[in-house]
Protein backbone atom coordinates (compact mmCIF):
# COMPACT_ATOMS: atom_id res chain seq x y z
CA UNK A 1 0.00 0.00 0.00
CA UNK A 2 3.04 2.28 -0.09
CA UNK A 3 5.01 4.08 -2.77
CA UNK A 4 8.18 6.08 -2.62
CA UNK A 5 7.23 9.74 -3.34
CA UNK A 6 9.92 11.89 -1.69
CA UNK A 7 9.48 15.27 -3.48
CA UNK A 8 5.91 15.73 -4.56
CA UNK A 9 2.36 14.85 -3.67
CA UNK A 10 -0.36 13.68 -5.93
CA UNK A 11 -4.09 13.84 -5.77
CA UNK A 12 -4.42 10.49 -7.53
CA UNK A 13 -3.90 8.50 -4.25
CA UNK A 14 -7.07 6.90 -2.87
CA UNK A 15 -8.34 8.69 0.26
CA UNK A 16 -7.99 5.46 2.35
CA UNK A 17 -4.18 5.73 2.12
CA UNK A 18 -2.22 8.21 4.19
CA UNK A 19 1.22 8.91 2.78
CA UNK A 20 4.15 10.51 4.60
CA UNK A 21 6.28 12.44 2.10
CA UNK A 22 9.80 11.12 1.82
CA UNK A 23 9.04 7.93 3.73
CA UNK A 24 8.06 4.35 2.91
CA UNK A 25 5.74 4.22 5.92
CA UNK A 26 2.08 4.28 5.01
CA UNK A 27 -0.84 3.16 7.12
CA UNK A 28 -4.27 1.95 6.15
CA UNK A 29 -7.18 3.61 7.91
CA UNK A 30 -9.51 1.16 9.69
CA UNK A 31 -13.04 0.67 8.53
CA UNK A 32 -15.92 1.10 11.00
CA UNK A 33 -16.32 -2.68 11.22
CA UNK A 34 -12.66 -3.11 12.12
CA UNK A 35 -12.91 -0.35 14.71
CA UNK A 36 -15.90 -2.07 16.31
CA UNK A 37 -14.12 -5.41 16.41
CA UNK A 38 -11.06 -3.82 18.02
CA UNK A 39 -13.20 -2.17 20.69
CA UNK A 40 -14.95 -5.45 21.45
CA UNK A 41 -11.58 -7.23 21.71
CA UNK A 42 -10.22 -4.61 24.10
CA UNK A 43 -13.29 -4.73 26.31
CA UNK A 44 -13.16 -8.56 26.36
CA UNK A 45 -9.47 -8.51 27.33
CA UNK A 46 -10.22 -6.15 30.22
CA UNK A 47 -13.00 -8.40 31.47
CA UNK A 48 -10.79 -11.50 31.23
CA UNK A 49 -7.77 -9.99 32.97
CA UNK A 50 -8.92 -10.75 36.57
CA UNK A 51 -9.96 -14.29 35.63
CA UNK A 52 -6.67 -14.93 33.84
CA UNK A 53 -4.74 -13.61 36.82
CA UNK A 54 -6.67 -15.93 39.15
CA UNK A 55 -6.04 -18.92 36.91
CA UNK A 56 -2.36 -18.07 36.64
CA UNK A 57 -2.09 -17.70 40.42
CA UNK A 58 -3.84 -21.04 40.90
CA UNK A 59 -1.51 -22.78 38.45
CA UNK A 60 1.56 -21.28 40.12
CA UNK A 61 0.36 -22.31 43.56
CA UNK A 62 -0.33 -25.84 42.27
CA UNK A 63 3.17 -26.03 40.81
CA UNK A 64 4.64 -24.80 44.10
CA UNK A 65 2.67 -27.38 46.10
CA UNK A 66 3.69 -30.11 43.69
CA UNK A 67 7.33 -29.10 43.99
CA UNK A 68 7.11 -29.14 47.79
CA UNK A 69 5.42 -32.55 47.68
CA UNK A 70 8.12 -33.97 45.39
CA UNK A 71 10.88 -32.61 47.64
CA UNK A 72 9.20 -34.07 50.74
CA UNK A 73 8.85 -37.46 49.05
CA UNK A 74 12.50 -37.35 47.98
CA UNK A 75 13.51 -36.53 51.56
CA UNK A 76 11.46 -39.45 52.91
CA UNK A 77 13.07 -41.83 50.39
CA UNK A 78 16.56 -40.62 51.32
CA UNK A 79 15.84 -41.05 55.05
CA UNK A 80 14.47 -44.57 54.54
CA UNK A 81 17.44 -45.48 52.35
CA UNK A 82 19.87 -44.09 54.96
CA UNK A 83 18.08 -45.94 57.78
CA UNK A 84 18.22 -49.36 56.12
CA UNK A 85 21.83 -48.87 55.03
CA UNK A 86 22.73 -47.86 58.57
CA UNK A 87 20.86 -50.81 60.03
CA UNK A 88 22.60 -53.21 57.64
CA UNK A 89 25.98 -51.73 58.42
CA UNK A 90 25.31 -51.97 62.16
CA UNK A 91 24.29 -55.62 61.83
CA UNK A 92 27.45 -56.45 59.91
CA UNK A 93 29.55 -54.50 62.38
CA UNK A 94 28.06 -56.29 65.36
CA UNK A 95 28.36 -59.74 63.84
CA UNK A 96 31.51 -59.52 61.70
CA UNK A 97 33.65 -56.71 63.09
CA UNK A 98 33.41 -57.11 66.88
CA UNK A 99 36.60 -55.16 67.53
CA UNK A 100 35.47 -52.13 65.58
CA UNK A 101 36.70 -48.69 66.61
CA UNK A 102 33.12 -47.85 67.56
CA UNK A 103 32.59 -49.26 71.09
CA UNK A 104 28.84 -49.65 70.44
CA UNK A 105 29.64 -52.40 67.96
CA UNK A 106 31.97 -54.40 70.24
CA UNK A 107 29.28 -56.68 71.59
CA UNK A 108 30.26 -60.15 70.37
CA UNK A 109 33.16 -62.45 70.82
CA UNK A 110 35.54 -62.59 67.88
CA UNK A 111 35.73 -66.38 67.80
CA UNK A 112 32.94 -68.92 67.74
CA UNK A 113 33.06 -72.01 69.86
CA UNK A 114 34.23 -75.27 68.33
CA UNK A 115 30.68 -76.62 68.55
CA UNK A 116 29.32 -73.65 66.57
CA UNK A 117 31.94 -74.04 63.83
CA UNK A 118 31.29 -77.79 63.66
CA UNK A 119 27.57 -77.08 63.24
CA UNK A 120 28.37 -74.79 60.27
CA UNK A 121 30.54 -77.49 58.70
CA UNK A 122 27.76 -80.04 59.21
CA UNK A 123 25.06 -77.96 57.47
CA UNK A 124 27.52 -77.18 54.64
CA UNK A 125 28.12 -80.90 54.05
CA UNK A 126 24.40 -81.67 54.18
CA UNK A 127 23.66 -78.88 51.70
CA UNK A 128 26.36 -80.00 49.25
CA UNK A 129 25.20 -83.61 49.50
CA UNK A 130 21.56 -82.66 48.83
CA UNK A 131 22.46 -80.47 45.86
CA UNK A 132 24.64 -83.25 44.47
CA UNK A 133 21.69 -85.64 44.58
CA UNK A 134 19.48 -83.06 42.85
CA UNK A 135 22.06 -82.25 40.18
CA UNK A 136 22.34 -78.61 41.29
CA UNK A 137 25.74 -76.99 40.67
CA UNK A 138 26.88 -75.41 43.96
CA UNK A 139 30.04 -73.73 45.24
CA UNK A 140 31.32 -71.71 48.20
CA UNK A 141 31.25 -67.94 47.94
CA UNK A 142 31.89 -64.75 49.94
CA UNK A 143 33.23 -65.29 53.47
CA UNK A 144 32.90 -69.07 53.28
CA UNK A 145 35.16 -69.21 50.23
CA UNK A 146 37.70 -67.03 52.05
CA UNK A 147 37.48 -69.29 55.10
CA UNK A 148 37.91 -72.42 53.01
CA UNK A 149 41.06 -71.02 51.41
CA UNK A 150 42.63 -69.54 54.53
CA UNK A 151 41.35 -71.64 57.45
CA UNK A 152 40.29 -74.86 55.70
CA UNK A 153 36.89 -74.26 57.26
CA UNK A 154 34.64 -71.40 58.36
CA UNK A 155 36.37 -68.21 59.41
CA UNK A 156 36.53 -68.24 63.23
CA UNK A 157 33.99 -65.39 63.59
CA UNK A 158 31.52 -66.38 60.87
CA UNK A 159 27.84 -66.91 61.65
CA UNK A 160 26.65 -68.79 58.54
CA UNK A 161 27.74 -70.51 55.34
CA UNK A 162 27.56 -68.63 52.03
CA UNK A 163 26.97 -70.78 48.98
CA UNK A 164 26.22 -70.03 45.33
CA UNK A 165 24.32 -72.16 42.83
CA UNK A 166 23.85 -71.91 39.08
CA UNK A 167 20.34 -70.56 38.69
CA UNK A 168 19.15 -72.76 35.85
CA UNK A 169 20.07 -75.92 37.78
CA UNK A 170 18.00 -74.99 40.83
CA UNK A 171 15.10 -73.41 38.94
CA UNK A 172 14.07 -76.82 37.61
CA UNK A 173 12.75 -77.60 41.09
CA UNK A 174 9.79 -75.99 42.80
CA UNK A 175 10.07 -74.62 46.30
CA UNK A 176 8.06 -77.58 47.60
CA UNK A 177 10.47 -80.06 46.04
CA UNK A 178 13.46 -78.30 47.57
CA UNK A 179 11.69 -78.17 50.91
CA UNK A 180 11.06 -81.93 50.82
CA UNK A 181 14.66 -82.69 49.84
CA UNK A 182 16.18 -80.66 52.66
CA UNK A 183 13.63 -81.80 55.21
CA UNK A 184 15.12 -85.27 54.88
CA UNK A 185 18.37 -83.76 56.17
CA UNK A 186 16.58 -82.11 59.07
CA UNK A 187 16.83 -78.62 57.55
CA UNK A 188 14.22 -75.88 57.11
CA UNK A 189 14.03 -73.86 53.86
CA UNK A 190 12.98 -70.22 53.43
CA UNK A 191 13.08 -68.04 50.31
CA UNK A 192 13.75 -64.31 50.72
CA UNK A 193 12.61 -62.52 47.57
CA UNK A 194 14.17 -59.15 48.43
CA UNK A 195 17.60 -60.76 48.73
CA UNK A 196 17.02 -63.31 45.98
CA UNK A 197 18.32 -66.14 48.17
CA UNK A 198 17.34 -69.34 49.95
CA UNK A 199 18.08 -69.64 53.65
CA UNK A 200 18.57 -73.11 55.13
CA UNK A 201 18.54 -73.68 58.87
CA UNK A 202 19.35 -76.57 61.15
CA UNK A 203 19.42 -75.72 64.82
CA UNK A 204 21.51 -72.60 65.29
CA UNK A 205 23.43 -73.00 62.01
CA UNK A 206 22.30 -71.61 58.67
CA UNK A 207 23.28 -71.53 54.99
CA UNK A 208 22.58 -68.71 52.54
CA UNK A 209 22.04 -69.98 48.98
CA UNK A 210 22.52 -67.39 46.21
CA UNK A 211 21.35 -68.38 42.70
CA UNK A 212 23.48 -66.87 39.92
CA UNK A 213 22.51 -66.41 36.28
CA UNK A 214 24.55 -65.94 33.13
CA UNK A 215 24.70 -62.54 31.52
CA UNK A 216 26.78 -60.77 28.85
CA UNK A 217 27.14 -63.94 26.85
CA UNK A 218 28.09 -66.08 29.82
CA UNK A 219 31.09 -63.95 30.82
CA UNK A 220 29.45 -62.70 34.02
CA UNK A 221 27.07 -64.00 36.66
CA UNK A 222 24.45 -61.87 38.38
CA UNK A 223 22.37 -62.37 41.52
CA UNK A 224 18.64 -62.25 41.93
CA UNK A 225 16.92 -59.83 44.28
CA UNK A 226 16.99 -56.04 44.57
CA UNK A 227 18.80 -55.81 47.92
CA UNK A 228 22.27 -56.20 46.45
CA UNK A 229 21.62 -53.43 43.91
CA UNK A 230 20.40 -50.82 46.40
CA UNK A 231 22.25 -51.35 49.67
CA UNK A 232 26.01 -50.98 49.54
CA UNK A 233 26.70 -53.42 52.39
CA UNK A 234 25.32 -56.24 50.24
């Protein structure tokens, strides 16, 4: 709607155009209909301003409450995680590190009695014998493997036997079948899903059975259960 007319004016321009001499800026005058629509839009905006402000304030307050709720939930999760880690560490300290620098943890004798160690050896033999009959591949692991290499038996302060099995060899049996097999040896069986392990007991002696499964093309073995992935003590 604009032309460049820097030095003269002309009467041939339509009256709806307003030209500024020497400038490219021209503006179109609004028709009555356009003026009416603009007035209606302005009045509508003024009426909607308080409502929009209320909605915006409500949304902001909701976001703030949601943020506070998320932070509170995160704090609760951190506290629970810290509590269980601390409890696990305390249990290990009281049972495995009796001469810890912290005097609160020095509650147990460092060495077990000969009868207690013999009971651990007995349940280990019974467990190996039962797994051999069932065709389950089993082996010593963790502290029991260390004790077998260094002491030719349980470490003098150990409280149980740690044993691993190949998962696919034990998964062919139901829990009831395993329970029946170990009951013949006078042992009780319990499965702990959170740790992904079987716990065998006979009297005051116990055996922890950890199933392991192949991963990364058989180059690595991994444990079941979520405990070992979340709590550093395990």
